[in-house]
Amino acid sequence: MSRVCELTGKKAMVGNNVSHAMNKTRRTFDANLIKKRFYIPSEDKWVTLKVSTSALKTINKIGIEAMLKEAKAKGFYK
């Protein structure tokens, strides 16, 4: 399974490691993902999602159902 947030679509970015001598080598910045179970009261079931920590903060603010509706509209969640 890829390292992509299932609600926001965040994924790894590419950048450089920069040493003190300003030598640059390529590296990836992975998304900060966690696996979390959420209860959806309208469907009366539990769902396990791989979400970024910023998406988790948004879920705490607006709720899981609003976040799922937004993710479905953007095409990130089935």
PDB file of N, CA and C in Angstrom:
ATOM      1  N   MET A   1       0.832  -1.172   0.000  1.00  0.00           N
ATOM      2  CA  MET A   1       0.000   0.000   0.000  1.00  0.00           C
ATOM      3  C   MET A   1       0.882   1.242   0.000  1.00  0.00           C
ATOM      4  N   SER A   2       0.515   2.228  -0.791  1.00  0.00           N
ATOM      5  CA  SER A   2       1.352   3.409  -0.911  1.00  0.00           C
ATOM      6  C   SER A   2       1.189   4.323   0.300  1.00  0.00           C
ATOM      7  N   ARG A   3       2.153   5.187   0.487  1.00  0.00           N
ATOM      8  CA  ARG A   3       2.128   6.111   1.614  1.00  0.00           C
ATOM      9  C   ARG A   3       1.414   7.393   1.195  1.00  0.00           C
ATOM     10  N   VAL A   4       0.083   7.291   1.075  1.00  0.00           N
ATOM     11  CA  VAL A   4      -0.757   8.416   0.671  1.00  0.00           C
ATOM     12  C   VAL A   4      -1.904   8.525   1.655  1.00  0.00           C
ATOM     13  N   CYS A   5      -2.214   9.734   2.084  1.00  0.00           N
ATOM     14  CA  CYS A   5      -3.353   9.964   2.965  1.00  0.00           C
ATOM     15  C   CYS A   5      -4.636   9.696   2.191  1.00  0.00           C
ATOM     16  N   GLU A   6      -5.537   8.894   2.778  1.00  0.00           N
ATOM     17  CA  GLU A   6      -6.756   8.503   2.094  1.00  0.00           C
ATOM     18  C   GLU A   6      -7.819   9.600   2.092  1.00  0.00           C
ATOM     19  N   LEU A   7      -7.639  10.649   2.877  1.00  0.00           N
ATOM     20  CA  LEU A   7      -8.629  11.719   2.931  1.00  0.00           C
ATOM     21  C   LEU A   7      -8.174  13.002   2.260  1.00  0.00           C
ATOM     22  N   THR A   8      -6.882  13.319   2.324  1.00  0.00           N
ATOM     23  CA  THR A   8      -6.407  14.563   1.729  1.00  0.00           C
ATOM     24  C   THR A   8      -5.563  14.356   0.479  1.00  0.00           C
ATOM     25  N   GLY A   9      -5.091  13.124   0.256  1.00  0.00           N
ATOM     26  CA  GLY A   9      -4.266  12.854  -0.917  1.00  0.00           C
ATOM     27  C   GLY A   9      -2.809  13.257  -0.758  1.00  0.00           C
ATOM     28  N   LYS A  10      -2.413  13.634   0.462  1.00  0.00           N
ATOM     29  CA  LYS A  10      -1.019  14.012   0.684  1.00  0.00           C
ATOM     30  C   LYS A  10      -0.124  12.808   0.460  1.00  0.00           C
ATOM     31  N   LYS A  11       1.025  13.029  -0.193  1.00  0.00           N
ATOM     32  CA  LYS A  11       1.980  11.960  -0.435  1.00  0.00           C
ATOM     33  C   LYS A  11       3.389  12.504  -0.321  1.00  0.00           C
ATOM     34  N   ALA A  12       4.372  11.655  -0.591  1.00  0.00           N
ATOM     35  CA  ALA A  12       5.769  12.034  -0.414  1.00  0.00           C
ATOM     36  C   ALA A  12       6.159  13.154  -1.371  1.00  0.00           C
ATOM     37  N   MET A  13       6.992  14.059  -0.856  1.00  0.00           N
ATOM     38  CA  MET A  13       7.565  15.124  -1.670  1.00  0.00           C
ATOM     39  C   MET A  13       9.045  14.809  -1.881  1.00  0.00           C
ATOM     40  N   VAL A  14       9.656  15.428  -2.878  1.00  0.00           N
ATOM     41  CA  VAL A  14      11.057  15.197  -3.180  1.00  0.00           C
ATOM     42  C   VAL A  14      11.822  16.489  -2.948  1.00  0.00           C
ATOM     43  N   GLY A  15      13.001  16.361  -2.345  1.00  0.00           N
ATOM     44  CA  GLY A  15      13.823  17.526  -2.078  1.00  0.00           C
ATOM     45  C   GLY A  15      15.287  17.133  -1.990  1.00  0.00           C
ATOM     46  N   ASN A  16      16.070  17.945  -1.306  1.00  0.00           N
ATOM     47  CA  ASN A  16      17.499  17.716  -1.185  1.00  0.00           C
ATOM     48  C   ASN A  16      17.917  17.620   0.269  1.00  0.00           C
ATOM     49  N   ASN A  17      18.886  16.714   0.546  1.00  0.00           N
ATOM     50  CA  ASN A  17      19.674  16.800   1.764  1.00  0.00           C
ATOM     51  C   ASN A  17      20.773  17.807   1.469  1.00  0.00           C
ATOM     52  N   VAL A  18      20.975  18.781   2.342  1.00  0.00           N
ATOM     53  CA  VAL A  18      22.005  19.789   2.117  1.00  0.00           C
ATOM     54  C   VAL A  18      22.988  19.725   3.275  1.00  0.00           C
ATOM     55  N   SER A  19      24.239  19.433   2.956  1.00  0.00           N
ATOM     56  CA  SER A  19      25.265  19.330   3.994  1.00  0.00           C
ATOM     57  C   SER A  19      25.796  20.716   4.342  1.00  0.00           C
ATOM     58  N   HIS A  20      26.661  20.752   5.361  1.00  0.00           N
ATOM     59  CA  HIS A  20      27.261  22.022   5.771  1.00  0.00           C
ATOM     60  C   HIS A  20      28.081  22.627   4.635  1.00  0.00           C
ATOM     61  N   ALA A  21      28.660  21.761   3.782  1.00  0.00           N
ATOM     62  CA  ALA A  21      29.447  22.222   2.638  1.00  0.00           C
ATOM     63  C   ALA A  21      28.568  22.513   1.422  1.00  0.00           C
ATOM     64  N   MET A  22      27.246  22.508   1.632  1.00  0.00           N
ATOM     65  CA  MET A  22      26.256  22.800   0.589  1.00  0.00           C
ATOM     66  C   MET A  22      26.218  21.740  -0.519  1.00  0.00           C
ATOM     67  N   ASN A  23      26.676  20.517  -0.217  1.00  0.00           N
ATOM     68  CA  ASN A  23      26.493  19.415  -1.167  1.00  0.00           C
ATOM     69  C   ASN A  23      25.036  18.989  -1.109  1.00  0.00           C
ATOM     70  N   LYS A  24      24.448  18.711  -2.262  1.00  0.00           N
ATOM     71  CA  LYS A  24      23.035  18.365  -2.316  1.00  0.00           C
ATOM     72  C   LYS A  24      22.843  16.953  -2.858  1.00  0.00           C
ATOM     73  N   THR A  25      22.080  16.150  -2.138  1.00  0.00           N
ATOM     74  CA  THR A  25      21.704  14.818  -2.593  1.00  0.00           C
ATOM     75  C   THR A  25      20.191  14.698  -2.470  1.00  0.00           C
ATOM     76  N   ARG A  26      19.588  13.953  -3.388  1.00  0.00           N
ATOM     77  CA  ARG A  26      18.133  13.845  -3.427  1.00  0.00           C
ATOM     78  C   ARG A  26      17.615  12.986  -2.275  1.00  0.00           C
ATOM     79  N   ARG A  27      16.437  13.342  -1.772  1.00  0.00           N
ATOM     80  CA  ARG A  27      15.782  12.592  -0.712  1.00  0.00           C
ATOM     81  C   ARG A  27      14.275  12.774  -0.835  1.00  0.00           C
ATOM     82  N   THR A  28      13.519  11.969  -0.078  1.00  0.00           N
ATOM     83  CA  THR A  28      12.068  12.126  -0.066  1.00  0.00           C
ATOM     84  C   THR A  28      11.618  12.561   1.327  1.00  0.00           C
ATOM     85  N   PHE A  29      10.596  13.387   1.357  1.00  0.00           N
ATOM     86  CA  PHE A  29       9.938  13.793   2.589  1.00  0.00           C
ATOM     87  C   PHE A  29       8.608  13.054   2.620  1.00  0.00           C
ATOM     88  N   ASP A  30       8.519  11.997   3.429  1.00  0.00           N
ATOM     89  CA  ASP A  30       7.286  11.217   3.504  1.00  0.00           C
ATOM     90  C   ASP A  30       6.217  11.977   4.276  1.00  0.00           C
ATOM     91  N   ALA A  31       4.958  11.718   3.929  1.00  0.00           N
ATOM     92  CA  ALA A  31       3.838  12.293   4.660  1.00  0.00           C
ATOM     93  C   ALA A  31       3.784  11.661   6.049  1.00  0.00           C
ATOM     94  N   ASN A  32       3.346  12.423   7.028  1.00  0.00           N
ATOM     95  CA  ASN A  32       3.249  11.932   8.408  1.00  0.00           C
ATOM     96  C   ASN A  32       1.916  11.201   8.551  1.00  0.00           C
ATOM     97  N   LEU A  33       1.931   9.885   8.297  1.00  0.00           N
ATOM     98  CA  LEU A  33       0.707   9.097   8.258  1.00  0.00           C
ATOM     99  C   LEU A  33       0.569   8.198   9.475  1.00  0.00           C
ATOM    100  N   ILE A  34      -0.678   8.014   9.903  1.00  0.00           N
ATOM    101  CA  ILE A  34      -0.997   7.066  10.955  1.00  0.00           C
ATOM    102  C   ILE A  34      -2.208   6.261  10.520  1.00  0.00           C
ATOM    103  N   LYS A  35      -2.309   5.036  11.049  1.00  0.00           N
ATOM    104  CA  LYS A  35      -3.451   4.184  10.773  1.00  0.00           C
ATOM    105  C   LYS A  35      -4.426   4.344  11.937  1.00  0.00           C
ATOM    106  N   LYS A  36      -5.671   4.722  11.641  1.00  0.00           N
ATOM    107  CA  LYS A  36      -6.616   5.070  12.690  1.00  0.00           C
ATOM    108  C   LYS A  36      -7.997   4.535  12.363  1.00  0.00           C
ATOM    109  N   ARG A  37      -8.714   4.055  13.399  1.00  0.00           N
ATOM    110  CA  ARG A  37     -10.094   3.589  13.237  1.00  0.00           C
ATOM    111  C   ARG A  37     -11.056   4.711  13.607  1.00  0.00           C
ATOM    112  N   PHE A  38     -12.066   4.895  12.776  1.00  0.00           N
ATOM    113  CA  PHE A  38     -13.082   5.908  13.026  1.00  0.00           C
ATOM    114  C   PHE A  38     -14.450   5.253  13.025  1.00  0.00           C
ATOM    115  N   TYR A  39     -15.328   5.718  13.907  1.00  0.00           N
ATOM    116  CA  TYR A  39     -16.712   5.242  13.934  1.00  0.00           C
ATOM    117  C   TYR A  39     -17.567   6.224  13.151  1.00  0.00           C
ATOM    118  N   ILE A  40     -18.335   5.699  12.194  1.00  0.00           N
ATOM    119  CA  ILE A  40     -19.218   6.523  11.386  1.00  0.00           C
ATOM    120  C   ILE A  40     -20.648   6.220  11.828  1.00  0.00           C
ATOM    121  N   PRO A  41     -21.273   7.143  12.579  1.00  0.00           N
ATOM    122  CA  PRO A  41     -22.588   6.850  13.148  1.00  0.00           C
ATOM    123  C   PRO A  41     -23.695   6.701  12.101  1.00  0.00           C
ATOM    124  N   SER A  42     -23.613   7.427  10.993  1.00  0.00           N
ATOM    125  CA  SER A  42     -24.681   7.339   9.989  1.00  0.00           C
ATOM    126  C   SER A  42     -24.726   5.957   9.336  1.00  0.00           C
ATOM    127  N   GLU A  43     -23.557   5.324   9.177  1.00  0.00           N
ATOM    128  CA  GLU A  43     -23.494   3.980   8.593  1.00  0.00           C
ATOM    129  C   GLU A  43     -23.410   2.902   9.662  1.00  0.00           C
ATOM    130  N   ASP A  44     -23.262   3.309  10.922  1.00  0.00           N
ATOM    131  CA  ASP A  44     -23.161   2.412  12.076  1.00  0.00           C
ATOM    132  C   ASP A  44     -22.070   1.369  11.878  1.00  0.00           C
ATOM    133  N   LYS A  45     -20.863   1.853  11.507  1.00  0.00           N
ATOM    134  CA  LYS A  45     -19.741   0.931  11.350  1.00  0.00           C
ATOM    135  C   LYS A  45     -18.419   1.637  11.622  1.00  0.00           C
ATOM    136  N   TRP A  46     -17.392   0.817  11.829  1.00  0.00           N
ATOM    137  CA  TRP A  46     -16.034   1.310  12.032  1.00  0.00           C
ATOM    138  C   TRP A  46     -15.281   1.225  10.714  1.00  0.00           C
ATOM    139  N   VAL A  47     -14.437   2.240  10.453  1.00  0.00           N
ATOM    140  CA  VAL A  47     -13.634   2.277   9.235  1.00  0.00           C
ATOM    141  C   VAL A  47     -12.192   2.548   9.635  1.00  0.00           C
ATOM    142  N   THR A  48     -11.261   1.780   9.085  1.00  0.00           N
ATOM    143  CA  THR A  48      -9.836   2.011   9.323  1.00  0.00           C
ATOM    144  C   THR A  48      -9.272   2.778   8.138  1.00  0.00           C
ATOM    145  N   LEU A  49      -8.656   3.912   8.428  1.00  0.00           N
ATOM    146  CA  LEU A  49      -8.099   4.769   7.392  1.00  0.00           C
ATOM    147  C   LEU A  49      -6.643   5.084   7.692  1.00  0.00           C
ATOM    148  N   LYS A  50      -5.864   5.287   6.630  1.00  0.00           N
ATOM    149  CA  LYS A  50      -4.499   5.771   6.770  1.00  0.00           C
ATOM    150  C   LYS A  50      -4.543   7.274   6.492  1.00  0.00           C
ATOM    151  N   VAL A  51      -4.418   8.079   7.545  1.00  0.00           N
ATOM    152  CA  VAL A  51      -4.591   9.527   7.417  1.00  0.00           C
ATOM    153  C   VAL A  51      -3.344  10.258   7.888  1.00  0.00           C
ATOM    154  N   SER A  52      -3.147  11.443   7.346  1.00  0.00           N
ATOM    155  CA  SER A  52      -2.057  12.294   7.799  1.00  0.00           C
ATOM    156  C   SER A  52      -2.469  12.949   9.110  1.00  0.00           C
ATOM    157  N   THR A  53      -1.498  13.405   9.877  1.00  0.00           N
ATOM    158  CA  THR A  53      -1.807  14.014  11.161  1.00  0.00           C
ATOM    159  C   THR A  53      -2.531  15.340  10.974  1.00  0.00           C
ATOM    160  N   SER A  54      -2.283  16.044   9.879  1.00  0.00           N
ATOM    161  CA  SER A  54      -3.026  17.279   9.629  1.00  0.00           C
ATOM    162  C   SER A  54      -4.487  16.973   9.312  1.00  0.00           C
ATOM    163  N   ALA A  55      -4.753  15.854   8.637  1.00  0.00           N
ATOM    164  CA  ALA A  55      -6.136  15.442   8.383  1.00  0.00           C
ATOM    165  C   ALA A  55      -6.815  15.048   9.689  1.00  0.00           C
ATOM    166  N   LEU A  56      -6.070  14.451  10.609  1.00  0.00           N
ATOM    167  CA  LEU A  56      -6.618  14.081  11.904  1.00  0.00           C
ATOM    168  C   LEU A  56      -7.053  15.316  12.682  1.00  0.00           C
ATOM    169  N   LYS A  57      -6.269  16.387  12.611  1.00  0.00           N
ATOM    170  CA  LYS A  57      -6.641  17.637  13.267  1.00  0.00           C
ATOM    171  C   LYS A  57      -7.914  18.212  12.648  1.00  0.00           C
ATOM    172  N   THR A  58      -8.046  18.099  11.331  1.00  0.00           N
ATOM    173  CA  THR A  58      -9.236  18.589  10.651  1.00  0.00           C
ATOM    174  C   THR A  58     -10.450  17.755  11.042  1.00  0.00           C
ATOM    175  N   ILE A  59     -10.275  16.439  11.180  1.00  0.00           N
ATOM    176  CA  ILE A  59     -11.367  15.561  11.615  1.00  0.00           C
ATOM    177  C   ILE A  59     -11.826  15.963  13.013  1.00  0.00           C
ATOM    178  N   ASN A  60     -10.888  16.279  13.898  1.00  0.00           N
ATOM    179  CA  ASN A  60     -11.254  16.713  15.245  1.00  0.00           C
ATOM    180  C   ASN A  60     -12.025  18.026  15.215  1.00  0.00           C
ATOM    181  N   LYS A  61     -11.768  18.843  14.207  1.00  0.00           N
ATOM    182  CA  LYS A  61     -12.408  20.153  14.119  1.00  0.00           C
ATOM    183  C   LYS A  61     -13.793  20.076  13.469  1.00  0.00           C
ATOM    184  N   ILE A  62     -13.905  19.417  12.303  1.00  0.00           N
ATOM    185  CA  ILE A  62     -15.175  19.430  11.559  1.00  0.00           C
ATOM    186  C   ILE A  62     -15.934  18.120  11.621  1.00  0.00           C
ATOM    187  N   GLY A  63     -15.290  17.040  12.044  1.00  0.00           N
ATOM    188  CA  GLY A  63     -15.957  15.748  12.159  1.00  0.00           C
ATOM    189  C   GLY A  63     -15.606  14.815  11.014  1.00  0.00           C
ATOM    190  N   ILE A  64     -15.732  13.515  11.267  1.00  0.00           N
ATOM    191  CA  ILE A  64     -15.344  12.503  10.288  1.00  0.00           C
ATOM    192  C   ILE A  64     -16.302  12.475   9.107  1.00  0.00           C
ATOM    193  N   GLU A  65     -17.592  12.679   9.342  1.00  0.00           N
ATOM    194  CA  GLU A  65     -18.547  12.596   8.237  1.00  0.00           C
ATOM    195  C   GLU A  65     -18.366  13.732   7.246  1.00  0.00           C
ATOM    196  N   ALA A  66     -18.110  14.940   7.748  1.00  0.00           N
ATOM    197  CA  ALA A  66     -17.858  16.077   6.858  1.00  0.00           C
ATOM    198  C   ALA A  66     -16.561  15.880   6.078  1.00  0.00           C
ATOM    199  N   MET A  67     -15.566  15.308   6.742  1.00  0.00           N
ATOM    200  CA  MET A  67     -14.272  15.062   6.087  1.00  0.00           C
ATOM    201  C   MET A  67     -14.407  13.994   4.998  1.00  0.00           C
ATOM    202  N   LEU A  68     -15.172  12.933   5.273  1.00  0.00           N
ATOM    203  CA  LEU A  68     -15.396  11.890   4.267  1.00  0.00           C
ATOM    204  C   LEU A  68     -16.160  12.442   3.062  1.00  0.00           C
ATOM    205  N   LYS A  69     -17.143  13.288   3.324  1.00  0.00           N
ATOM    206  CA  LYS A  69     -17.928  13.895   2.241  1.00  0.00           C
ATOM    207  C   LYS A  69     -17.029  14.751   1.352  1.00  0.00           C
ATOM    208  N   GLU A  70     -16.142  15.525   1.981  1.00  0.00           N
ATOM    209  CA  GLU A  70     -15.208  16.374   1.240  1.00  0.00           C
ATOM    210  C   GLU A  70     -14.215  15.536   0.430  1.00  0.00           C
ATOM    211  N   ALA A  71     -13.713  14.427   1.035  1.00  0.00           N
ATOM    212  CA  ALA A  71     -12.760  13.555   0.352  1.00  0.00           C
ATOM    213  C   ALA A  71     -13.401  12.848  -0.834  1.00  0.00           C
ATOM    214  N   LYS A  72     -14.672  12.447  -0.697  1.00  0.00           N
ATOM    215  CA  LYS A  72     -15.381  11.816  -1.813  1.00  0.00           C
ATOM    216  C   LYS A  72     -15.581  12.797  -2.946  1.00  0.00           C
ATOM    217  N   ALA A  73     -15.869  14.058  -2.615  1.00  0.00           N
ATOM    218  CA  ALA A  73     -16.068  15.077  -3.642  1.00  0.00           C
ATOM    219  C   ALA A  73     -14.778  15.341  -4.431  1.00  0.00           C
ATOM    220  N   LYS A  74     -13.649  15.275  -3.741  1.00  0.00           N
ATOM    221  CA  LYS A  74     -12.354  15.495  -4.400  1.00  0.00           C
ATOM    222  C   LYS A  74     -11.800  14.244  -5.049  1.00  0.00           C
ATOM    223  N   GLY A  75     -12.413  13.080  -4.782  1.00  0.00           N
ATOM    224  CA  GLY A  75     -11.986  11.851  -5.407  1.00  0.00           C
ATOM    225  C   GLY A  75     -10.899  11.078  -4.686  1.00  0.00           C
ATOM    226  N   PHE A  76     -10.622  11.421  -3.428  1.00  0.00           N
ATOM    227  CA  PHE A  76      -9.587  10.717  -2.676  1.00  0.00           C
ATOM    228  C   PHE A  76     -10.123   9.488  -1.982  1.00  0.00           C
ATOM    229  N   TYR A  77     -11.409   9.481  -1.663  1.00  0.00           N
ATOM    230  CA  TYR A  77     -12.013   8.371  -0.928  1.00  0.00           C
ATOM    231  C   TYR A  77     -13.135   7.777  -1.764  1.00  0.00           C
ATOM    232  N   LYS A  78     -13.232   6.442  -1.781  1.00  0.00           N
ATOM    233  CA  LYS A  78     -14.230   5.771  -2.606  1.00  0.00           C
ATOM    234  C   LYS A  78     -15.601   5.958  -2.118  1.00  0.00           C
TER     235      LYS A  78
END
